[in-house]
Amino acid sequence: MPPVSRLWDPLLSLPPVARPPGMRAAVLVPLYEEGGELRLILTRRGGQMATHPGDVVFPGGTIEPGDAGPEGAARREAWEEIGLPPEGVEVLGGLEPTSTRNTEMLIVPVVARVVRPARFVLAPREVEAVLEPRIADLLDETSWRQEDWYGHSLWFRPFPEGMLWGATARMVRSLLHYFRG
């Protein structure tokens, strides 16, 4: 890993990765530093996927028996989905677990400093695009909107590649809380 700059200081107060009863999935919340700024890695799911087609999400999926908990699942899924080498993933902590529209699916977000590969290798049909927004841009509240969705207030953040919303938007906003001070 390259030397760590002060940009990472807000994440020093992250709690450890949670291991709640009923956890079924984990996502990697991958961050890297480039040009004096932090960037987040998101993906757009394939339009043919059975669940959440076309959604902007973090790499992740089901925690399998062979995984070393949520951290192992998040590393494995990021490798399988976008070719992010597991050895270039340094876990910094976790965000509060959340659920998707299916409230039975408790997701554990694993925040990590990563070494961005020179080239992403996208899993066919599973990932259509990689998005790499700057944290500074995500902190701009004018780029977000909140809407009522079937009686729930949800956050939405458009990108040219697709819409960030739902559970992933909640996780991103939770991450941004650390940078707002």
N, C-alpha and C. Protein backbone atom coordinates (compact mmCIF):
# COMPACT_ATOMS: atom_id res chain seq x y z
N MET A 1 0.85 -1.19 0.00
CA MET A 1 0.00 0.00 0.00
C MET A 1 0.89 1.26 0.00
N PRO A 2 0.48 2.28 -0.77
CA PRO A 2 1.23 3.54 -0.74
C PRO A 2 1.09 4.22 0.62
N PRO A 3 1.97 5.20 0.90
CA PRO A 3 1.85 5.91 2.17
C PRO A 3 0.46 6.55 2.31
N VAL A 4 0.03 6.67 3.54
CA VAL A 4 -1.30 7.19 3.82
C VAL A 4 -1.24 8.70 4.08
N SER A 5 -2.07 9.45 3.35
CA SER A 5 -2.11 10.90 3.55
C SER A 5 -3.19 11.25 4.59
N ARG A 6 -3.25 12.51 4.91
CA ARG A 6 -4.23 13.01 5.88
C ARG A 6 -5.67 12.89 5.37
N LEU A 7 -5.86 12.68 4.09
CA LEU A 7 -7.21 12.54 3.53
C LEU A 7 -7.98 11.40 4.20
N TRP A 8 -7.26 10.41 4.69
CA TRP A 8 -7.87 9.23 5.29
C TRP A 8 -8.25 9.44 6.76
N ASP A 9 -7.77 10.52 7.38
CA ASP A 9 -7.99 10.74 8.82
C ASP A 9 -9.45 10.65 9.26
N PRO A 10 -10.42 11.17 8.48
CA PRO A 10 -11.81 11.05 8.95
C PRO A 10 -12.27 9.61 9.16
N LEU A 11 -11.61 8.66 8.51
CA LEU A 11 -12.04 7.26 8.64
C LEU A 11 -11.38 6.54 9.81
N LEU A 12 -10.50 7.24 10.55
CA LEU A 12 -9.87 6.63 11.72
C LEU A 12 -10.89 6.28 12.80
N SER A 13 -12.04 6.96 12.78
CA SER A 13 -13.05 6.70 13.80
C SER A 13 -14.10 5.66 13.38
N LEU A 14 -13.87 5.00 12.24
CA LEU A 14 -14.79 3.93 11.83
C LEU A 14 -14.80 2.82 12.88
N PRO A 15 -15.97 2.26 13.17
CA PRO A 15 -16.00 1.11 14.07
C PRO A 15 -15.51 -0.14 13.34
N PRO A 16 -15.21 -1.21 14.07
CA PRO A 16 -14.85 -2.48 13.42
C PRO A 16 -16.01 -2.97 12.56
N VAL A 17 -15.70 -3.86 11.64
CA VAL A 17 -16.73 -4.46 10.80
C VAL A 17 -17.69 -5.24 11.70
N ALA A 18 -18.98 -4.99 11.53
CA ALA A 18 -20.01 -5.64 12.35
C ALA A 18 -20.18 -7.10 11.92
N ARG A 19 -20.62 -7.91 12.87
CA ARG A 19 -20.94 -9.31 12.60
C ARG A 19 -22.28 -9.62 13.27
N PRO A 20 -23.34 -8.95 12.80
CA PRO A 20 -24.64 -9.13 13.46
C PRO A 20 -25.27 -10.49 13.17
N PRO A 21 -26.10 -10.98 14.08
CA PRO A 21 -26.84 -12.20 13.80
C PRO A 21 -27.71 -11.95 12.56
N GLY A 22 -27.81 -12.91 11.71
CA GLY A 22 -28.66 -12.76 10.53
C GLY A 22 -27.98 -12.12 9.34
N MET A 23 -26.68 -11.79 9.47
CA MET A 23 -26.00 -11.20 8.31
C MET A 23 -25.95 -12.23 7.20
N ARG A 24 -26.28 -11.78 5.98
CA ARG A 24 -26.33 -12.72 4.87
C ARG A 24 -25.45 -12.28 3.71
N ALA A 25 -25.11 -10.98 3.68
CA ALA A 25 -24.33 -10.46 2.56
C ALA A 25 -23.36 -9.41 3.06
N ALA A 26 -22.35 -9.16 2.23
CA ALA A 26 -21.37 -8.12 2.54
C ALA A 26 -21.04 -7.38 1.25
N VAL A 27 -20.72 -6.11 1.39
CA VAL A 27 -20.26 -5.32 0.25
C VAL A 27 -18.95 -4.67 0.63
N LEU A 28 -18.11 -4.45 -0.38
CA LEU A 28 -16.87 -3.71 -0.18
C LEU A 28 -17.16 -2.26 -0.52
N VAL A 29 -16.75 -1.37 0.37
CA VAL A 29 -16.86 0.08 0.15
C VAL A 29 -15.43 0.54 -0.14
N PRO A 30 -15.00 0.38 -1.41
CA PRO A 30 -13.59 0.60 -1.75
C PRO A 30 -13.28 2.06 -2.06
N LEU A 31 -12.24 2.55 -1.41
CA LEU A 31 -11.77 3.92 -1.60
C LEU A 31 -10.30 3.88 -2.00
N TYR A 32 -9.92 4.83 -2.84
CA TYR A 32 -8.51 4.97 -3.18
C TYR A 32 -8.20 6.45 -3.34
N GLU A 33 -6.92 6.76 -3.25
CA GLU A 33 -6.46 8.15 -3.37
C GLU A 33 -5.84 8.34 -4.74
N GLU A 34 -6.23 9.45 -5.38
CA GLU A 34 -5.67 9.79 -6.68
C GLU A 34 -5.65 11.31 -6.82
N GLY A 35 -4.49 11.85 -7.16
CA GLY A 35 -4.39 13.29 -7.38
C GLY A 35 -4.78 14.12 -6.18
N GLY A 36 -4.49 13.63 -4.99
CA GLY A 36 -4.80 14.39 -3.78
C GLY A 36 -6.26 14.35 -3.38
N GLU A 37 -7.02 13.42 -3.95
CA GLU A 37 -8.43 13.28 -3.60
C GLU A 37 -8.78 11.81 -3.40
N LEU A 38 -9.83 11.59 -2.60
CA LEU A 38 -10.32 10.23 -2.41
C LEU A 38 -11.43 9.96 -3.41
N ARG A 39 -11.42 8.75 -3.94
CA ARG A 39 -12.47 8.30 -4.86
C ARG A 39 -13.08 7.00 -4.33
N LEU A 40 -14.33 6.82 -4.65
CA LEU A 40 -15.10 5.65 -4.26
C LEU A 40 -15.33 4.81 -5.51
N ILE A 41 -15.33 3.50 -5.36
CA ILE A 41 -15.60 2.62 -6.50
C ILE A 41 -17.00 2.02 -6.33
N LEU A 42 -17.83 2.25 -7.35
CA LEU A 42 -19.17 1.68 -7.41
C LEU A 42 -19.30 0.94 -8.74
N THR A 43 -20.32 0.11 -8.85
CA THR A 43 -20.57 -0.59 -10.12
C THR A 43 -22.02 -0.39 -10.53
N ARG A 44 -22.28 -0.59 -11.82
CA ARG A 44 -23.67 -0.68 -12.28
C ARG A 44 -23.92 -2.14 -12.62
N ARG A 45 -24.92 -2.72 -11.95
CA ARG A 45 -25.25 -4.12 -12.16
C ARG A 45 -25.78 -4.36 -13.56
N GLY A 46 -25.55 -5.54 -14.05
CA GLY A 46 -26.03 -5.92 -15.36
C GLY A 46 -27.54 -5.84 -15.46
N GLY A 47 -28.05 -5.42 -16.60
CA GLY A 47 -29.48 -5.28 -16.80
C GLY A 47 -30.23 -6.60 -16.80
N GLN A 48 -29.52 -7.71 -16.94
CA GLN A 48 -30.16 -9.03 -16.96
C GLN A 48 -30.12 -9.72 -15.59
N MET A 49 -29.56 -9.05 -14.59
CA MET A 49 -29.46 -9.67 -13.26
C MET A 49 -30.85 -9.90 -12.67
N ALA A 50 -31.02 -10.99 -11.93
CA ALA A 50 -32.31 -11.34 -11.34
C ALA A 50 -32.72 -10.34 -10.25
N THR A 51 -31.73 -9.79 -9.54
CA THR A 51 -32.02 -8.83 -8.48
C THR A 51 -31.30 -7.52 -8.77
N HIS A 52 -31.98 -6.42 -8.55
CA HIS A 52 -31.43 -5.07 -8.68
C HIS A 52 -30.76 -4.80 -10.03
N PRO A 53 -31.38 -5.21 -11.16
CA PRO A 53 -30.76 -4.98 -12.47
C PRO A 53 -30.57 -3.50 -12.75
N GLY A 54 -29.37 -3.15 -13.23
CA GLY A 54 -29.07 -1.77 -13.60
C GLY A 54 -28.80 -0.83 -12.44
N ASP A 55 -28.93 -1.30 -11.21
CA ASP A 55 -28.70 -0.43 -10.04
C ASP A 55 -27.21 -0.11 -9.88
N VAL A 56 -26.92 1.06 -9.31
CA VAL A 56 -25.56 1.44 -8.95
C VAL A 56 -25.34 0.93 -7.53
N VAL A 57 -24.32 0.07 -7.37
CA VAL A 57 -24.10 -0.62 -6.10
C VAL A 57 -22.61 -0.76 -5.81
N PHE A 58 -22.31 -1.24 -4.62
CA PHE A 58 -20.95 -1.64 -4.28
C PHE A 58 -20.74 -3.09 -4.72
N PRO A 59 -19.49 -3.48 -4.99
CA PRO A 59 -19.23 -4.90 -5.24
C PRO A 59 -19.58 -5.68 -3.97
N GLY A 60 -20.25 -6.80 -4.12
CA GLY A 60 -20.59 -7.58 -2.95
C GLY A 60 -21.56 -8.69 -3.27
N GLY A 61 -21.90 -9.44 -2.24
CA GLY A 61 -22.83 -10.54 -2.42
C GLY A 61 -22.96 -11.38 -1.16
N THR A 62 -23.46 -12.56 -1.32
CA THR A 62 -23.74 -13.48 -0.21
C THR A 62 -22.46 -13.92 0.49
N ILE A 63 -22.53 -13.97 1.81
CA ILE A 63 -21.42 -14.49 2.61
C ILE A 63 -21.49 -16.01 2.54
N GLU A 64 -20.44 -16.62 1.99
CA GLU A 64 -20.42 -18.07 1.81
C GLU A 64 -19.65 -18.73 2.94
N PRO A 65 -19.89 -20.03 3.21
CA PRO A 65 -19.23 -20.73 4.31
C PRO A 65 -17.70 -20.63 4.28
N GLY A 66 -17.08 -20.63 3.10
CA GLY A 66 -15.62 -20.58 3.02
C GLY A 66 -15.03 -19.20 3.20
N ASP A 67 -15.88 -18.16 3.25
CA ASP A 67 -15.38 -16.79 3.43
C ASP A 67 -14.95 -16.57 4.88
N ALA A 68 -13.99 -15.71 5.05
CA ALA A 68 -13.58 -15.32 6.40
C ALA A 68 -14.49 -14.16 6.83
N GLY A 69 -15.76 -14.47 7.07
CA GLY A 69 -16.73 -13.47 7.50
C GLY A 69 -17.03 -12.45 6.43
N PRO A 70 -17.61 -11.31 6.83
CA PRO A 70 -17.98 -10.29 5.86
C PRO A 70 -16.78 -9.72 5.11
N GLU A 71 -15.64 -9.61 5.79
CA GLU A 71 -14.44 -9.07 5.13
C GLU A 71 -14.01 -9.98 3.98
N GLY A 72 -14.00 -11.29 4.23
CA GLY A 72 -13.61 -12.24 3.19
C GLY A 72 -14.59 -12.25 2.04
N ALA A 73 -15.88 -12.19 2.36
CA ALA A 73 -16.90 -12.17 1.31
C ALA A 73 -16.77 -10.91 0.45
N ALA A 74 -16.55 -9.76 1.09
CA ALA A 74 -16.43 -8.51 0.35
C ALA A 74 -15.20 -8.53 -0.57
N ARG A 75 -14.08 -9.04 -0.05
CA ARG A 75 -12.87 -9.15 -0.88
C ARG A 75 -13.09 -10.08 -2.06
N ARG A 76 -13.67 -11.26 -1.80
CA ARG A 76 -13.91 -12.24 -2.85
C ARG A 76 -14.83 -11.69 -3.92
N GLU A 77 -15.93 -11.07 -3.50
CA GLU A 77 -16.89 -10.54 -4.47
C GLU A 77 -16.28 -9.42 -5.32
N ALA A 78 -15.47 -8.55 -4.71
CA ALA A 78 -14.82 -7.46 -5.48
C ALA A 78 -13.85 -8.04 -6.50
N TRP A 79 -13.18 -9.13 -6.15
CA TRP A 79 -12.28 -9.80 -7.09
C TRP A 79 -13.09 -10.41 -8.24
N GLU A 80 -14.17 -11.11 -7.89
CA GLU A 80 -14.99 -11.78 -8.91
C GLU A 80 -15.71 -10.78 -9.83
N GLU A 81 -16.18 -9.66 -9.26
CA GLU A 81 -17.00 -8.73 -10.03
C GLU A 81 -16.20 -7.73 -10.86
N ILE A 82 -15.11 -7.20 -10.28
CA ILE A 82 -14.38 -6.14 -11.00
C ILE A 82 -12.88 -6.38 -11.10
N GLY A 83 -12.41 -7.52 -10.61
CA GLY A 83 -10.98 -7.82 -10.70
C GLY A 83 -10.13 -7.01 -9.75
N LEU A 84 -10.67 -6.66 -8.58
CA LEU A 84 -9.91 -5.93 -7.56
C LEU A 84 -9.12 -6.95 -6.75
N PRO A 85 -7.78 -6.96 -6.87
CA PRO A 85 -6.99 -7.99 -6.19
C PRO A 85 -7.15 -7.94 -4.66
N PRO A 86 -7.48 -9.07 -4.03
CA PRO A 86 -7.69 -9.10 -2.58
C PRO A 86 -6.50 -8.59 -1.78
N GLU A 87 -5.27 -8.83 -2.30
CA GLU A 87 -4.08 -8.37 -1.55
C GLU A 87 -3.95 -6.85 -1.56
N GLY A 88 -4.68 -6.17 -2.41
CA GLY A 88 -4.67 -4.70 -2.45
C GLY A 88 -5.80 -4.07 -1.69
N VAL A 89 -6.43 -4.85 -0.78
CA VAL A 89 -7.58 -4.37 0.00
C VAL A 89 -7.18 -4.33 1.47
N GLU A 90 -7.16 -3.14 2.04
CA GLU A 90 -6.88 -2.97 3.47
C GLU A 90 -8.16 -2.53 4.17
N VAL A 91 -8.73 -3.41 4.99
CA VAL A 91 -9.99 -3.10 5.69
C VAL A 91 -9.72 -2.04 6.76
N LEU A 92 -10.54 -0.98 6.72
CA LEU A 92 -10.41 0.12 7.68
C LEU A 92 -11.46 0.04 8.79
N GLY A 93 -12.56 -0.61 8.51
CA GLY A 93 -13.65 -0.70 9.47
C GLY A 93 -14.95 -0.95 8.74
N GLY A 94 -16.05 -0.70 9.42
CA GLY A 94 -17.34 -0.98 8.81
C GLY A 94 -18.35 0.12 9.04
N LEU A 95 -19.37 0.10 8.21
CA LEU A 95 -20.53 0.97 8.40
C LEU A 95 -21.64 0.14 9.01
N GLU A 96 -22.68 0.78 9.46
CA GLU A 96 -23.79 0.06 10.08
C GLU A 96 -24.47 -0.85 9.05
N PRO A 97 -24.68 -2.11 9.40
CA PRO A 97 -25.37 -3.02 8.49
C PRO A 97 -26.75 -2.47 8.12
N THR A 98 -27.17 -2.78 6.91
CA THR A 98 -28.45 -2.28 6.41
C THR A 98 -29.12 -3.38 5.60
N SER A 99 -30.36 -3.14 5.21
CA SER A 99 -31.07 -4.13 4.39
C SER A 99 -31.52 -3.47 3.09
N THR A 100 -31.85 -4.31 2.12
CA THR A 100 -32.36 -3.82 0.84
C THR A 100 -33.88 -3.82 0.91
N ARG A 101 -34.50 -3.75 -0.24
CA ARG A 101 -35.97 -3.83 -0.29
C ARG A 101 -36.44 -5.12 0.36
N ASN A 102 -35.64 -6.17 0.25
CA ASN A 102 -35.92 -7.43 0.93
C ASN A 102 -35.33 -7.30 2.33
N THR A 103 -36.16 -7.00 3.31
CA THR A 103 -35.66 -6.72 4.66
C THR A 103 -35.03 -7.94 5.33
N GLU A 104 -35.14 -9.10 4.71
CA GLU A 104 -34.50 -10.30 5.25
C GLU A 104 -33.00 -10.32 4.95
N MET A 105 -32.55 -9.53 3.98
CA MET A 105 -31.15 -9.56 3.52
C MET A 105 -30.34 -8.49 4.25
N LEU A 106 -29.73 -8.84 5.37
CA LEU A 106 -28.92 -7.90 6.13
C LEU A 106 -27.52 -7.85 5.51
N ILE A 107 -27.11 -6.64 5.10
CA ILE A 107 -25.85 -6.44 4.39
C ILE A 107 -24.85 -5.74 5.30
N VAL A 108 -23.62 -6.25 5.34
CA VAL A 108 -22.55 -5.66 6.15
C VAL A 108 -21.61 -4.90 5.22
N PRO A 109 -21.52 -3.57 5.35
CA PRO A 109 -20.59 -2.78 4.54
C PRO A 109 -19.19 -2.78 5.15
N VAL A 110 -18.19 -3.16 4.34
CA VAL A 110 -16.79 -3.25 4.75
C VAL A 110 -16.02 -2.13 4.04
N VAL A 111 -15.58 -1.15 4.81
CA VAL A 111 -14.86 0.01 4.24
C VAL A 111 -13.38 -0.34 4.12
N ALA A 112 -12.81 -0.07 2.95
CA ALA A 112 -11.41 -0.44 2.72
C ALA A 112 -10.68 0.58 1.86
N ARG A 113 -9.38 0.70 2.16
CA ARG A 113 -8.46 1.43 1.29
C ARG A 113 -7.96 0.40 0.29
N VAL A 114 -8.03 0.72 -1.00
CA VAL A 114 -7.65 -0.26 -2.01
C VAL A 114 -6.60 0.33 -2.95
N VAL A 115 -5.87 -0.57 -3.58
CA VAL A 115 -4.97 -0.21 -4.66
C VAL A 115 -5.80 -0.41 -5.94
N ARG A 116 -6.05 0.69 -6.64
CA ARG A 116 -6.85 0.60 -7.86
C ARG A 116 -6.05 -0.13 -8.93
N PRO A 117 -6.65 -1.17 -9.52
CA PRO A 117 -5.92 -1.86 -10.58
C PRO A 117 -5.80 -0.97 -11.82
N ALA A 118 -4.80 -1.21 -12.63
CA ALA A 118 -4.63 -0.43 -13.86
C ALA A 118 -5.84 -0.61 -14.77
N ARG A 119 -6.47 -1.78 -14.68
CA ARG A 119 -7.63 -2.09 -15.52
C ARG A 119 -8.60 -2.95 -14.73
N PHE A 120 -9.87 -2.56 -14.72
CA PHE A 120 -10.88 -3.40 -14.07
C PHE A 120 -11.27 -4.52 -15.03
N VAL A 121 -11.53 -5.69 -14.49
CA VAL A 121 -12.01 -6.83 -15.28
C VAL A 121 -13.43 -7.11 -14.80
N LEU A 122 -14.41 -6.74 -15.63
CA LEU A 122 -15.81 -6.84 -15.23
C LEU A 122 -16.36 -8.23 -15.48
N ALA A 123 -17.10 -8.74 -14.50
CA ALA A 123 -17.76 -10.04 -14.64
C ALA A 123 -18.84 -9.91 -15.71
N PRO A 124 -18.79 -10.73 -16.75
CA PRO A 124 -19.79 -10.65 -17.81
C PRO A 124 -21.22 -10.78 -17.26
N ARG A 125 -22.12 -9.99 -17.78
CA ARG A 125 -23.55 -9.97 -17.42
C ARG A 125 -23.80 -9.47 -16.01
N GLU A 126 -22.81 -9.55 -15.11
CA GLU A 126 -23.03 -9.15 -13.72
C GLU A 126 -22.75 -7.66 -13.50
N VAL A 127 -21.72 -7.15 -14.16
CA VAL A 127 -21.33 -5.74 -14.00
C VAL A 127 -21.21 -5.11 -15.38
N GLU A 128 -21.91 -3.99 -15.57
CA GLU A 128 -21.87 -3.30 -16.86
C GLU A 128 -20.92 -2.11 -16.87
N ALA A 129 -20.65 -1.52 -15.70
CA ALA A 129 -19.79 -0.34 -15.66
C ALA A 129 -19.22 -0.16 -14.26
N VAL A 130 -18.07 0.53 -14.20
CA VAL A 130 -17.47 0.93 -12.93
C VAL A 130 -17.57 2.45 -12.86
N LEU A 131 -18.00 2.96 -11.71
CA LEU A 131 -18.09 4.39 -11.47
C LEU A 131 -17.06 4.73 -10.40
N GLU A 132 -16.39 5.87 -10.54
CA GLU A 132 -15.35 6.25 -9.59
C GLU A 132 -15.50 7.71 -9.16
N PRO A 133 -16.61 8.04 -8.49
CA PRO A 133 -16.83 9.42 -8.09
C PRO A 133 -15.85 9.89 -7.01
N ARG A 134 -15.57 11.17 -7.05
CA ARG A 134 -14.75 11.78 -5.99
C ARG A 134 -15.62 11.96 -4.75
N ILE A 135 -15.03 11.75 -3.59
CA ILE A 135 -15.75 11.99 -2.34
C ILE A 135 -16.21 13.45 -2.30
N ALA A 136 -15.38 14.37 -2.77
CA ALA A 136 -15.74 15.79 -2.78
C ALA A 136 -17.04 16.02 -3.56
N ASP A 137 -17.22 15.33 -4.67
CA ASP A 137 -18.45 15.48 -5.46
C ASP A 137 -19.65 14.88 -4.74
N LEU A 138 -19.44 13.75 -4.08
CA LEU A 138 -20.53 13.11 -3.35
C LEU A 138 -20.97 13.95 -2.15
N LEU A 139 -20.06 14.74 -1.61
CA LEU A 139 -20.39 15.61 -0.47
C LEU A 139 -21.27 16.80 -0.88
N ASP A 140 -21.37 17.07 -2.17
CA ASP A 140 -22.19 18.18 -2.67
C ASP A 140 -23.67 17.81 -2.55
N GLU A 141 -24.34 18.39 -1.58
CA GLU A 141 -25.75 18.06 -1.31
C GLU A 141 -26.67 18.40 -2.47
N THR A 142 -26.26 19.34 -3.34
CA THR A 142 -27.14 19.71 -4.47
C THR A 142 -27.23 18.58 -5.50
N SER A 143 -26.34 17.59 -5.41
CA SER A 143 -26.38 16.47 -6.35
C SER A 143 -27.29 15.34 -5.86
N TRP A 144 -27.83 15.48 -4.66
CA TRP A 144 -28.69 14.46 -4.07
C TRP A 144 -30.13 14.95 -4.02
N ARG A 145 -31.07 14.02 -4.05
CA ARG A 145 -32.47 14.37 -3.79
C ARG A 145 -33.09 13.27 -2.93
N GLN A 146 -34.08 13.67 -2.17
CA GLN A 146 -34.79 12.72 -1.32
C GLN A 146 -36.23 12.63 -1.81
N GLU A 147 -36.74 11.40 -1.91
CA GLU A 147 -38.10 11.19 -2.41
C GLU A 147 -38.83 10.17 -1.56
N ASP A 148 -40.15 10.27 -1.58
CA ASP A 148 -40.97 9.26 -0.92
C ASP A 148 -41.08 8.06 -1.85
N TRP A 149 -40.81 6.89 -1.35
CA TRP A 149 -40.88 5.66 -2.14
C TRP A 149 -41.69 4.65 -1.35
N TYR A 150 -42.95 4.51 -1.71
CA TYR A 150 -43.85 3.59 -1.03
C TYR A 150 -43.85 3.78 0.49
N GLY A 151 -43.93 5.03 0.91
CA GLY A 151 -44.01 5.35 2.33
C GLY A 151 -42.67 5.47 3.04
N HIS A 152 -41.57 5.31 2.31
CA HIS A 152 -40.24 5.45 2.89
C HIS A 152 -39.52 6.61 2.20
N SER A 153 -38.77 7.36 2.97
CA SER A 153 -37.98 8.45 2.40
C SER A 153 -36.62 7.90 1.96
N LEU A 154 -36.34 7.97 0.66
CA LEU A 154 -35.10 7.43 0.12
C LEU A 154 -34.26 8.52 -0.53
N TRP A 155 -32.94 8.31 -0.49
CA TRP A 155 -32.00 9.21 -1.16
C TRP A 155 -31.70 8.69 -2.56
N PHE A 156 -31.53 9.63 -3.48
CA PHE A 156 -31.19 9.33 -4.87
C PHE A 156 -30.05 10.24 -5.29
N ARG A 157 -29.10 9.68 -6.04
CA ARG A 157 -27.98 10.45 -6.58
C ARG A 157 -27.73 9.97 -8.01
N PRO A 158 -28.08 10.79 -9.01
CA PRO A 158 -27.88 10.35 -10.40
C PRO A 158 -26.42 10.45 -10.84
N PHE A 159 -26.05 9.53 -11.71
CA PHE A 159 -24.77 9.55 -12.41
C PHE A 159 -25.09 9.35 -13.89
N PRO A 160 -24.22 9.74 -14.79
CA PRO A 160 -24.48 9.45 -16.21
C PRO A 160 -24.69 7.95 -16.46
N GLU A 161 -24.04 7.10 -15.65
CA GLU A 161 -24.12 5.64 -15.83
C GLU A 161 -25.36 5.02 -15.21
N GLY A 162 -26.03 5.73 -14.30
CA GLY A 162 -27.19 5.15 -13.63
C GLY A 162 -27.49 5.85 -12.32
N MET A 163 -28.49 5.33 -11.63
CA MET A 163 -28.98 5.95 -10.39
C MET A 163 -28.47 5.21 -9.16
N LEU A 164 -27.93 5.97 -8.22
CA LEU A 164 -27.57 5.46 -6.90
C LEU A 164 -28.76 5.73 -6.00
N TRP A 165 -29.29 4.69 -5.36
CA TRP A 165 -30.46 4.88 -4.50
C TRP A 165 -30.56 3.71 -3.53
N GLY A 166 -31.56 3.74 -2.68
CA GLY A 166 -31.85 2.63 -1.78
C GLY A 166 -30.75 2.36 -0.76
N ALA A 167 -30.50 1.06 -0.54
CA ALA A 167 -29.53 0.65 0.49
C ALA A 167 -28.13 1.19 0.20
N THR A 168 -27.72 1.17 -1.08
CA THR A 168 -26.38 1.66 -1.40
C THR A 168 -26.28 3.16 -1.14
N ALA A 169 -27.32 3.91 -1.47
CA ALA A 169 -27.31 5.35 -1.19
C ALA A 169 -27.22 5.59 0.33
N ARG A 170 -27.93 4.79 1.12
CA ARG A 170 -27.83 4.93 2.58
C ARG A 170 -26.40 4.67 3.05
N MET A 171 -25.76 3.65 2.47
CA MET A 171 -24.38 3.34 2.86
C MET A 171 -23.43 4.48 2.46
N VAL A 172 -23.60 5.01 1.26
CA VAL A 172 -22.74 6.12 0.82
C VAL A 172 -22.94 7.32 1.74
N ARG A 173 -24.16 7.65 2.07
CA ARG A 173 -24.41 8.79 2.96
C ARG A 173 -23.85 8.54 4.36
N SER A 174 -23.89 7.30 4.81
CA SER A 174 -23.29 6.94 6.09
C SER A 174 -21.77 7.17 6.03
N LEU A 175 -21.15 6.76 4.93
CA LEU A 175 -19.71 6.99 4.75
C LEU A 175 -19.40 8.49 4.73
N LEU A 176 -20.21 9.27 4.02
CA LEU A 176 -19.97 10.71 3.90
C LEU A 176 -20.06 11.42 5.24
N HIS A 177 -20.84 10.86 6.15
CA HIS A 177 -20.94 11.43 7.50
C HIS A 177 -19.55 11.59 8.14
N TYR A 178 -18.66 10.66 7.89
CA TYR A 178 -17.32 10.73 8.47
C TYR A 178 -16.51 11.88 7.89
N PHE A 179 -16.80 12.27 6.66
CA PHE A 179 -16.07 13.36 6.02
C PHE A 179 -16.68 14.74 6.28
N ARG A 180 -17.89 14.77 6.81
CA ARG A 180 -18.54 16.05 7.10
C ARG A 180 -18.06 16.64 8.41
N GLY A 181 -17.49 15.78 9.27
CA GLY A 181 -16.97 16.25 10.54
C GLY A 181 -18.05 16.73 11.39
